[in-house]
């Protein structure tokens, strides 16, 4: 060890925990397991339906497929580890696993906004330019958009962590119960982290701006088109389809807002603040497949067909 630096590759990190009674730990673990298994089951079911049902091989559902994959990445990066730490005396995490967890959390956050922005664009073309929809949103376009989302997100987050890993680490105790960039940055020996802070704020603001702008612009145009339309049935169908996507977007933004509030009000009880800190990896992955499963007619029909085939098979 030189100049107070620590070899975190061997020492790892100690994570903060919840201040709970033994009964509280048991209840939290049970609830955590139920939430995680429910989310995994719903998202995997949605993935299987979209992959196996040719009726769902449309751009909208291919984007939804990627949203479900992303939701699984987000919730799986945090919840299983948090459950293990609740029942563990030593809340230690190795440096490589901590880095992977943090990378997955930030990838999840960025990809969610980009995918939701692409889905908003898809709905805009489908409703405002229906005759040109399959020309504009072709199979080739869908592939390019999906590849762009993941590659662009990967580049942004890789740069974030490249900036972080410039610094040696002086602390092995993290103030959060899961690894993420800002917590790891506080554990470094760096005296000046302004570049990291500015870059982090820029990509956060940029990604949220993309999401908000895409929703405001596309939904403004969609609403204008619906108001001009004389077919009430088409209006209803268009708005019903958009409501599902809008709800998914609002859930993500609301979950992100909860995290901001959790850190801006330190007088909030510690356990509540830490729960609020993991809201954005709980609510979207749990609620998105439920919302799309309940609100989307094609997915409900696909589920009925799958259940019918299963019953007939037995």
Foldseek 3Di string as FASTA:
>chain_A
DPPLFDDLQPVFAFEDADPDDPVRLVVVLVVLVVLLVLLVVLLVVLLCLCVPDPVNVDLLSVLVNVLSVLLNLLLVLPRVLNSVCSPDPTRGDGPVSQVVSQLSNQLSLLLNLLSLLVSLVLLLCCQVPVVCNCVCCPPVNSVVSVVCSNVVSNVLSVVLVVLQVVFTFNHRYFHARGHHRVRSSVRTPDPDCPVSVVSVVVSVVVSVCSNVVSNVVSVVSNVVSLVPDPDPVSSVVSVLVVVLSVVLSVQLVVLVVLLVVLVVDVVPPPNVSNVSNSSNSRRNSNVNSVSCCVSPPVNVVSVVVVVVVVVVVD
